[in-house]
Amino acid sequence: MKLLLGIVLAMCAFFVNASDHFMPIDLEGNFQDVGVQATASSLSNIVTLELENLSSESLSCKSVFHSGPELDAVRRVVLESGDERILSVKFFRHVIRLKITLDCEKTS
């Protein structure tokens, strides 16, 4: 049973890495200026964006996921100092190329 589980996990890791390799993700915006670390990843038609607030202030972030002819998906989140959040989008079609615009600003 453990051997079968190990084989299944190895196959999943292979397919996740292969999927990331073929789909370019363009991540742009002003998020680095205010102290946000962002990492995007994908698997087929599901895209995730991991955000971490490295600054000492509360931040309000807006991300726009754009994938070809589909409607843009907008996600908003407030990050307190030290917070980590994962934003996700499921598109109806297989994603070939993705553009994510992430804009963050300090909240008052």
Foldseek 3Di string as FASTA:
>chain_A
DVVVVVVVVVVVVVQQVVLQVQEEEAEDECQVVQAKDWDWGDHFQKIKIKIFHQDQAKKKKKKWKDAPPDDIDIDIDIAHHGDMDMDMDGDPHGGRYIYMYMYMDGDD
